[in-house]
Amino acid sequence: MTEVRFYHLQRRTLEQALPKILEKVLERNWRAVVLAGSAERVDALNQHLWTYDPNAFLPHGAARDGFADRQPVWLTAEDENPNGATVLVTVDGSVSDRMGSYDLVCDLFDGNDEEAVFAARDRWKLCKAAGHALTYWQQNERGGWDKRA
């Protein structure tokens, strides 16, 4: 059974939250695939992860970089897992048909976008019906996460 965590972004943007989540993944020596909504979004996230913090290094790559099997974090707009990841991070409302092949799925959605919230509720229902273990995390005032369900 796959654990699916829904992260309700309210006080920080995806660009602020994603690197921190990926840092936690790498601290545990896990690999991740980040599934974005478009190739343009992949390019933007790829660039952002190189520059988000001048004191940090977050190894990652995308199709333009190549060497997928060597990348601890793979950014893509395709439903693929070329780096043997055990963690899937979905953004932009992306959905994978391979969720059951991951140990952990992190669904990040913009809580300030009503459509994104409704779409996340639909994904929650689908994941529940599929038998996944679900948790819901909401950003708190300090920028951390509180488990709500």
N, C-alpha and C. Protein backbone atom coordinates (compact mmCIF):
# COMPACT_ATOMS: atom_id res chain seq x y z
N MET A 1 0.84 -1.18 0.00
CA MET A 1 0.00 0.00 0.00
C MET A 1 0.90 1.25 0.00
N THR A 2 0.57 2.19 -0.83
CA THR A 2 1.32 3.43 -0.94
C THR A 2 0.78 4.45 0.05
N GLU A 3 1.70 5.16 0.71
CA GLU A 3 1.31 6.27 1.56
C GLU A 3 1.22 7.51 0.69
N VAL A 4 0.09 8.21 0.75
CA VAL A 4 -0.10 9.43 -0.02
C VAL A 4 -0.31 10.58 0.96
N ARG A 5 0.56 11.58 0.85
CA ARG A 5 0.49 12.77 1.70
C ARG A 5 0.04 13.96 0.85
N PHE A 6 -1.01 14.61 1.29
CA PHE A 6 -1.48 15.82 0.62
C PHE A 6 -0.95 17.02 1.39
N TYR A 7 -0.22 17.88 0.70
CA TYR A 7 0.37 19.09 1.29
C TYR A 7 -0.37 20.31 0.78
N HIS A 8 -1.10 20.95 1.69
CA HIS A 8 -1.94 22.11 1.40
C HIS A 8 -1.10 23.37 1.58
N LEU A 9 -0.61 23.92 0.48
CA LEU A 9 0.23 25.12 0.52
C LEU A 9 -0.65 26.34 0.72
N GLN A 10 -0.36 27.09 1.79
CA GLN A 10 -1.14 28.29 2.06
C GLN A 10 -0.25 29.51 2.32
N ARG A 11 0.83 29.32 3.02
CA ARG A 11 1.69 30.44 3.40
C ARG A 11 2.98 30.51 2.59
N ARG A 12 3.32 29.42 1.96
CA ARG A 12 4.52 29.38 1.12
C ARG A 12 4.12 28.89 -0.27
N THR A 13 4.91 29.30 -1.22
CA THR A 13 4.66 28.88 -2.59
C THR A 13 5.25 27.49 -2.82
N LEU A 14 4.88 26.91 -3.93
CA LEU A 14 5.47 25.64 -4.33
C LEU A 14 6.98 25.77 -4.42
N GLU A 15 7.45 26.88 -4.98
CA GLU A 15 8.89 27.08 -5.14
C GLU A 15 9.61 27.17 -3.81
N GLN A 16 8.93 27.57 -2.76
CA GLN A 16 9.53 27.58 -1.42
C GLN A 16 9.44 26.22 -0.75
N ALA A 17 8.33 25.52 -0.93
CA ALA A 17 8.10 24.26 -0.22
C ALA A 17 8.79 23.07 -0.87
N LEU A 18 8.79 23.01 -2.19
CA LEU A 18 9.33 21.85 -2.89
C LEU A 18 10.78 21.53 -2.54
N PRO A 19 11.68 22.52 -2.54
CA PRO A 19 13.07 22.18 -2.19
C PRO A 19 13.20 21.58 -0.79
N LYS A 20 12.43 22.07 0.16
CA LYS A 20 12.51 21.54 1.53
C LYS A 20 12.03 20.09 1.59
N ILE A 21 10.97 19.78 0.87
CA ILE A 21 10.48 18.40 0.85
C ILE A 21 11.51 17.50 0.18
N LEU A 22 12.09 17.97 -0.93
CA LEU A 22 13.10 17.16 -1.62
C LEU A 22 14.36 16.99 -0.77
N GLU A 23 14.73 18.00 0.00
CA GLU A 23 15.87 17.85 0.92
C GLU A 23 15.61 16.72 1.91
N LYS A 24 14.39 16.64 2.43
CA LYS A 24 14.03 15.56 3.38
C LYS A 24 14.11 14.20 2.70
N VAL A 25 13.68 14.13 1.46
CA VAL A 25 13.76 12.87 0.71
C VAL A 25 15.22 12.44 0.60
N LEU A 26 16.09 13.36 0.21
CA LEU A 26 17.51 13.03 0.02
C LEU A 26 18.21 12.72 1.34
N GLU A 27 17.80 13.37 2.43
CA GLU A 27 18.36 13.07 3.75
C GLU A 27 18.15 11.60 4.12
N ARG A 28 17.09 11.02 3.63
CA ARG A 28 16.76 9.62 3.92
C ARG A 28 17.35 8.67 2.88
N ASN A 29 18.16 9.21 1.98
CA ASN A 29 18.78 8.43 0.90
C ASN A 29 17.75 7.79 -0.01
N TRP A 30 16.62 8.48 -0.20
CA TRP A 30 15.60 8.04 -1.13
C TRP A 30 15.80 8.77 -2.46
N ARG A 31 15.14 8.30 -3.48
CA ARG A 31 15.12 8.97 -4.79
C ARG A 31 13.69 9.42 -5.05
N ALA A 32 13.57 10.50 -5.83
CA ALA A 32 12.24 11.05 -6.10
C ALA A 32 12.07 11.38 -7.57
N VAL A 33 10.83 11.28 -8.01
CA VAL A 33 10.38 11.81 -9.29
C VAL A 33 9.43 12.95 -8.95
N VAL A 34 9.63 14.10 -9.59
CA VAL A 34 8.71 15.23 -9.46
C VAL A 34 7.93 15.31 -10.77
N LEU A 35 6.63 15.07 -10.68
CA LEU A 35 5.76 15.07 -11.85
C LEU A 35 5.05 16.42 -11.93
N ALA A 36 5.42 17.19 -12.96
CA ALA A 36 4.86 18.53 -13.15
C ALA A 36 3.84 18.52 -14.27
N GLY A 37 3.13 19.64 -14.40
CA GLY A 37 2.04 19.72 -15.36
C GLY A 37 2.44 19.98 -16.79
N SER A 38 3.68 20.41 -17.03
CA SER A 38 4.10 20.71 -18.40
C SER A 38 5.63 20.71 -18.50
N ALA A 39 6.12 20.61 -19.71
CA ALA A 39 7.56 20.68 -19.94
C ALA A 39 8.11 22.04 -19.52
N GLU A 40 7.33 23.08 -19.73
CA GLU A 40 7.76 24.43 -19.33
C GLU A 40 7.90 24.52 -17.82
N ARG A 41 6.99 23.90 -17.11
CA ARG A 41 7.07 23.91 -15.64
C ARG A 41 8.30 23.12 -15.18
N VAL A 42 8.59 22.01 -15.85
CA VAL A 42 9.80 21.24 -15.54
C VAL A 42 11.03 22.12 -15.71
N ASP A 43 11.12 22.85 -16.81
CA ASP A 43 12.27 23.73 -17.04
C ASP A 43 12.39 24.79 -15.94
N ALA A 44 11.26 25.38 -15.55
CA ALA A 44 11.28 26.40 -14.51
C ALA A 44 11.71 25.82 -13.16
N LEU A 45 11.18 24.65 -12.81
CA LEU A 45 11.57 24.02 -11.54
C LEU A 45 13.03 23.58 -11.57
N ASN A 46 13.48 23.08 -12.71
CA ASN A 46 14.87 22.66 -12.85
C ASN A 46 15.80 23.84 -12.55
N GLN A 47 15.53 24.96 -13.16
CA GLN A 47 16.35 26.16 -12.93
C GLN A 47 16.24 26.61 -11.48
N HIS A 48 15.03 26.62 -10.95
CA HIS A 48 14.82 27.08 -9.58
C HIS A 48 15.59 26.23 -8.56
N LEU A 49 15.60 24.92 -8.75
CA LEU A 49 16.27 24.05 -7.77
C LEU A 49 17.78 24.24 -7.77
N TRP A 50 18.34 24.81 -8.83
CA TRP A 50 19.77 25.12 -8.83
C TRP A 50 20.06 26.42 -8.08
N THR A 51 19.07 27.30 -7.96
CA THR A 51 19.33 28.64 -7.45
C THR A 51 18.54 29.03 -6.21
N TYR A 52 17.68 28.17 -5.68
CA TYR A 52 16.78 28.55 -4.59
C TYR A 52 17.51 28.96 -3.31
N ASP A 53 18.71 28.45 -3.09
CA ASP A 53 19.47 28.78 -1.89
C ASP A 53 20.96 28.70 -2.25
N PRO A 54 21.68 29.83 -2.16
CA PRO A 54 23.09 29.81 -2.54
C PRO A 54 23.96 28.91 -1.65
N ASN A 55 23.43 28.51 -0.50
CA ASN A 55 24.19 27.66 0.42
C ASN A 55 23.75 26.19 0.37
N ALA A 56 22.90 25.86 -0.58
CA ALA A 56 22.40 24.49 -0.66
C ALA A 56 22.72 23.89 -2.02
N PHE A 57 22.78 22.56 -2.02
CA PHE A 57 22.97 21.82 -3.27
C PHE A 57 21.94 20.70 -3.29
N LEU A 58 21.07 20.73 -4.26
CA LEU A 58 20.02 19.72 -4.39
C LEU A 58 20.22 19.05 -5.74
N PRO A 59 20.91 17.90 -5.77
CA PRO A 59 21.17 17.23 -7.04
C PRO A 59 19.88 16.77 -7.70
N HIS A 60 19.74 17.11 -8.97
CA HIS A 60 18.52 16.77 -9.71
C HIS A 60 18.80 16.88 -11.20
N GLY A 61 17.86 16.41 -11.98
CA GLY A 61 17.98 16.52 -13.42
C GLY A 61 16.64 16.31 -14.10
N ALA A 62 16.65 16.58 -15.40
CA ALA A 62 15.47 16.40 -16.24
C ALA A 62 15.94 15.88 -17.59
N ALA A 63 15.02 15.66 -18.50
CA ALA A 63 15.34 15.05 -19.79
C ALA A 63 16.46 15.79 -20.51
N ARG A 64 16.48 17.09 -20.45
CA ARG A 64 17.53 17.86 -21.13
C ARG A 64 18.91 17.61 -20.54
N ASP A 65 18.96 17.20 -19.28
CA ASP A 65 20.23 16.94 -18.61
C ASP A 65 20.73 15.52 -18.88
N GLY A 66 19.80 14.61 -19.14
CA GLY A 66 20.16 13.22 -19.37
C GLY A 66 20.55 12.49 -18.10
N PHE A 67 21.09 11.29 -18.27
CA PHE A 67 21.58 10.46 -17.18
C PHE A 67 20.51 10.22 -16.10
N ALA A 68 19.30 9.93 -16.54
CA ALA A 68 18.18 9.77 -15.61
C ALA A 68 18.48 8.78 -14.50
N ASP A 69 19.14 7.68 -14.83
CA ASP A 69 19.39 6.65 -13.82
C ASP A 69 20.35 7.11 -12.73
N ARG A 70 21.07 8.20 -12.96
CA ARG A 70 22.02 8.72 -11.97
C ARG A 70 21.45 9.87 -11.14
N GLN A 71 20.27 10.32 -11.48
CA GLN A 71 19.70 11.49 -10.81
C GLN A 71 18.90 11.08 -9.57
N PRO A 72 19.25 11.61 -8.40
CA PRO A 72 18.46 11.30 -7.21
C PRO A 72 17.07 11.93 -7.24
N VAL A 73 16.94 13.05 -7.96
CA VAL A 73 15.64 13.70 -8.16
C VAL A 73 15.47 13.91 -9.65
N TRP A 74 14.38 13.40 -10.21
CA TRP A 74 14.11 13.50 -11.64
C TRP A 74 12.85 14.34 -11.84
N LEU A 75 12.98 15.41 -12.60
CA LEU A 75 11.86 16.29 -12.91
C LEU A 75 11.30 15.93 -14.28
N THR A 76 9.98 15.79 -14.36
CA THR A 76 9.38 15.35 -15.62
C THR A 76 7.93 15.79 -15.71
N ALA A 77 7.44 15.85 -16.93
CA ALA A 77 6.02 16.06 -17.18
C ALA A 77 5.38 14.76 -17.68
N GLU A 78 6.18 13.69 -17.72
CA GLU A 78 5.72 12.38 -18.17
C GLU A 78 5.54 11.46 -16.96
N ASP A 79 4.62 10.53 -17.07
CA ASP A 79 4.39 9.56 -15.99
C ASP A 79 5.44 8.45 -16.13
N GLU A 80 6.62 8.72 -15.60
CA GLU A 80 7.76 7.81 -15.74
C GLU A 80 8.55 7.76 -14.44
N ASN A 81 9.40 6.75 -14.34
CA ASN A 81 10.27 6.61 -13.18
C ASN A 81 11.64 6.08 -13.65
N PRO A 82 12.39 6.88 -14.39
CA PRO A 82 13.64 6.40 -14.97
C PRO A 82 14.81 6.33 -13.99
N ASN A 83 14.63 6.88 -12.79
CA ASN A 83 15.73 6.85 -11.82
C ASN A 83 15.47 5.87 -10.67
N GLY A 84 14.47 5.03 -10.80
CA GLY A 84 14.19 4.04 -9.77
C GLY A 84 13.74 4.64 -8.46
N ALA A 85 12.98 5.73 -8.52
CA ALA A 85 12.54 6.45 -7.32
C ALA A 85 11.51 5.64 -6.54
N THR A 86 11.51 5.86 -5.22
CA THR A 86 10.50 5.28 -4.35
C THR A 86 9.51 6.35 -3.87
N VAL A 87 9.82 7.62 -4.21
CA VAL A 87 8.97 8.75 -3.82
C VAL A 87 8.53 9.49 -5.09
N LEU A 88 7.25 9.78 -5.16
CA LEU A 88 6.69 10.59 -6.24
C LEU A 88 6.15 11.87 -5.63
N VAL A 89 6.55 13.00 -6.20
CA VAL A 89 6.03 14.30 -5.78
C VAL A 89 5.25 14.85 -6.97
N THR A 90 3.96 15.09 -6.76
CA THR A 90 3.13 15.63 -7.84
C THR A 90 2.83 17.10 -7.56
N VAL A 91 2.92 17.91 -8.62
CA VAL A 91 2.61 19.33 -8.53
C VAL A 91 1.70 19.69 -9.69
N ASP A 92 1.09 20.84 -9.62
CA ASP A 92 0.22 21.33 -10.70
C ASP A 92 -0.99 20.44 -10.93
N GLY A 93 -1.38 19.66 -9.94
CA GLY A 93 -2.53 18.77 -10.10
C GLY A 93 -2.24 17.54 -10.93
N SER A 94 -0.97 17.25 -11.14
CA SER A 94 -0.58 16.08 -11.94
C SER A 94 -1.02 14.79 -11.26
N VAL A 95 -1.33 13.80 -12.08
CA VAL A 95 -1.78 12.51 -11.58
C VAL A 95 -0.98 11.42 -12.27
N SER A 96 -0.60 10.41 -11.51
CA SER A 96 0.15 9.28 -12.05
C SER A 96 -0.69 8.02 -12.00
N ASP A 97 -0.56 7.23 -13.05
CA ASP A 97 -1.19 5.91 -13.06
C ASP A 97 -0.32 4.88 -12.34
N ARG A 98 0.87 5.30 -11.90
CA ARG A 98 1.84 4.40 -11.27
C ARG A 98 1.96 4.60 -9.76
N MET A 99 1.01 5.25 -9.14
CA MET A 99 1.14 5.58 -7.72
C MET A 99 1.44 4.35 -6.87
N GLY A 100 0.83 3.24 -7.19
CA GLY A 100 1.03 2.02 -6.42
C GLY A 100 2.43 1.45 -6.48
N SER A 101 3.25 1.94 -7.40
CA SER A 101 4.63 1.44 -7.51
C SER A 101 5.60 2.24 -6.64
N TYR A 102 5.12 3.28 -5.99
CA TYR A 102 5.95 4.10 -5.10
C TYR A 102 5.63 3.77 -3.65
N ASP A 103 6.59 3.98 -2.77
CA ASP A 103 6.33 3.82 -1.34
C ASP A 103 5.59 5.03 -0.78
N LEU A 104 5.90 6.22 -1.34
CA LEU A 104 5.35 7.48 -0.85
C LEU A 104 5.04 8.39 -2.02
N VAL A 105 3.86 9.00 -1.96
CA VAL A 105 3.48 10.03 -2.93
C VAL A 105 3.16 11.29 -2.14
N CYS A 106 3.74 12.41 -2.57
CA CYS A 106 3.48 13.71 -1.96
C CYS A 106 2.77 14.57 -3.00
N ASP A 107 1.54 14.94 -2.71
CA ASP A 107 0.71 15.75 -3.61
C ASP A 107 0.70 17.16 -3.06
N LEU A 108 1.39 18.09 -3.73
CA LEU A 108 1.45 19.48 -3.29
C LEU A 108 0.45 20.29 -4.09
N PHE A 109 -0.41 21.04 -3.39
CA PHE A 109 -1.40 21.84 -4.10
C PHE A 109 -1.56 23.21 -3.45
N ASP A 110 -1.91 24.18 -4.27
CA ASP A 110 -2.02 25.58 -3.87
C ASP A 110 -3.35 25.81 -3.17
N GLY A 111 -3.30 26.01 -1.87
CA GLY A 111 -4.51 26.23 -1.09
C GLY A 111 -5.15 27.58 -1.32
N ASN A 112 -4.47 28.47 -2.03
CA ASN A 112 -5.02 29.78 -2.34
C ASN A 112 -5.74 29.79 -3.68
N ASP A 113 -5.81 28.65 -4.33
CA ASP A 113 -6.47 28.49 -5.62
C ASP A 113 -7.64 27.54 -5.42
N GLU A 114 -8.86 28.08 -5.49
CA GLU A 114 -10.06 27.29 -5.20
C GLU A 114 -10.17 26.06 -6.11
N GLU A 115 -9.86 26.22 -7.38
CA GLU A 115 -9.91 25.08 -8.30
C GLU A 115 -8.92 24.00 -7.90
N ALA A 116 -7.72 24.40 -7.48
CA ALA A 116 -6.70 23.44 -7.06
C ALA A 116 -7.16 22.68 -5.82
N VAL A 117 -7.84 23.36 -4.91
CA VAL A 117 -8.34 22.71 -3.70
C VAL A 117 -9.42 21.69 -4.05
N PHE A 118 -10.36 22.06 -4.92
CA PHE A 118 -11.40 21.11 -5.34
C PHE A 118 -10.79 19.91 -6.05
N ALA A 119 -9.80 20.16 -6.90
CA ALA A 119 -9.15 19.06 -7.63
C ALA A 119 -8.42 18.14 -6.65
N ALA A 120 -7.79 18.72 -5.62
CA ALA A 120 -7.10 17.91 -4.61
C ALA A 120 -8.10 17.03 -3.84
N ARG A 121 -9.27 17.57 -3.56
CA ARG A 121 -10.31 16.77 -2.89
C ARG A 121 -10.71 15.57 -3.74
N ASP A 122 -10.82 15.81 -5.06
CA ASP A 122 -11.14 14.70 -5.96
C ASP A 122 -10.04 13.65 -5.97
N ARG A 123 -8.77 14.11 -5.98
CA ARG A 123 -7.65 13.16 -5.95
C ARG A 123 -7.64 12.39 -4.63
N TRP A 124 -7.97 13.05 -3.53
CA TRP A 124 -8.06 12.40 -2.22
C TRP A 124 -9.07 11.25 -2.29
N LYS A 125 -10.26 11.53 -2.85
CA LYS A 125 -11.30 10.52 -2.95
C LYS A 125 -10.84 9.33 -3.79
N LEU A 126 -10.17 9.61 -4.90
CA LEU A 126 -9.67 8.54 -5.76
C LEU A 126 -8.62 7.70 -5.04
N CYS A 127 -7.73 8.35 -4.32
CA CYS A 127 -6.69 7.63 -3.58
C CYS A 127 -7.29 6.78 -2.47
N LYS A 128 -8.30 7.33 -1.80
CA LYS A 128 -8.97 6.58 -0.73
C LYS A 128 -9.65 5.34 -1.31
N ALA A 129 -10.34 5.53 -2.44
CA ALA A 129 -11.03 4.40 -3.08
C ALA A 129 -10.04 3.34 -3.55
N ALA A 130 -8.81 3.76 -3.88
CA ALA A 130 -7.79 2.81 -4.34
C ALA A 130 -7.11 2.10 -3.17
N GLY A 131 -7.43 2.51 -1.93
CA GLY A 131 -6.89 1.83 -0.76
C GLY A 131 -5.56 2.35 -0.26
N HIS A 132 -5.14 3.51 -0.73
CA HIS A 132 -3.87 4.09 -0.26
C HIS A 132 -4.04 4.63 1.16
N ALA A 133 -2.94 4.67 1.90
CA ALA A 133 -2.92 5.27 3.24
C ALA A 133 -2.76 6.78 3.06
N LEU A 134 -3.72 7.56 3.55
CA LEU A 134 -3.75 9.00 3.29
C LEU A 134 -3.46 9.82 4.53
N THR A 135 -2.71 10.91 4.35
CA THR A 135 -2.55 11.92 5.38
C THR A 135 -2.66 13.29 4.72
N TYR A 136 -3.10 14.25 5.51
CA TYR A 136 -3.29 15.62 5.03
C TYR A 136 -2.47 16.55 5.91
N TRP A 137 -1.63 17.35 5.27
CA TRP A 137 -0.73 18.27 5.97
C TRP A 137 -1.06 19.70 5.55
N GLN A 138 -1.17 20.57 6.55
CA GLN A 138 -1.50 21.97 6.29
C GLN A 138 -0.39 22.85 6.84
N GLN A 139 -0.02 23.89 6.08
CA GLN A 139 1.03 24.79 6.55
C GLN A 139 0.55 25.58 7.76
N ASN A 140 1.46 25.75 8.72
CA ASN A 140 1.12 26.55 9.91
C ASN A 140 1.75 27.94 9.81
N GLU A 141 1.52 28.76 10.80
CA GLU A 141 2.00 30.14 10.79
C GLU A 141 3.52 30.25 10.74
N ARG A 142 4.22 29.26 11.25
CA ARG A 142 5.68 29.29 11.28
C ARG A 142 6.30 28.77 9.97
N GLY A 143 5.45 28.34 9.06
CA GLY A 143 5.94 27.81 7.79
C GLY A 143 6.18 26.31 7.82
N GLY A 144 5.93 25.70 8.97
CA GLY A 144 6.06 24.25 9.06
C GLY A 144 4.76 23.57 8.67
N TRP A 145 4.64 22.30 9.00
CA TRP A 145 3.48 21.51 8.61
C TRP A 145 2.80 20.90 9.82
N ASP A 146 1.49 20.95 9.84
CA ASP A 146 0.69 20.29 10.86
C ASP A 146 -0.13 19.19 10.20
N LYS A 147 -0.08 18.01 10.80
CA LYS A 147 -0.87 16.88 10.30
C LYS A 147 -2.31 17.08 10.76
N ARG A 148 -3.23 17.13 9.80
CA ARG A 148 -4.64 17.39 10.10
C ARG A 148 -5.52 16.15 9.94
N ALA A 149 -5.10 15.22 9.13
CA ALA A 149 -5.91 14.01 8.94
C ALA A 149 -5.02 12.88 8.49
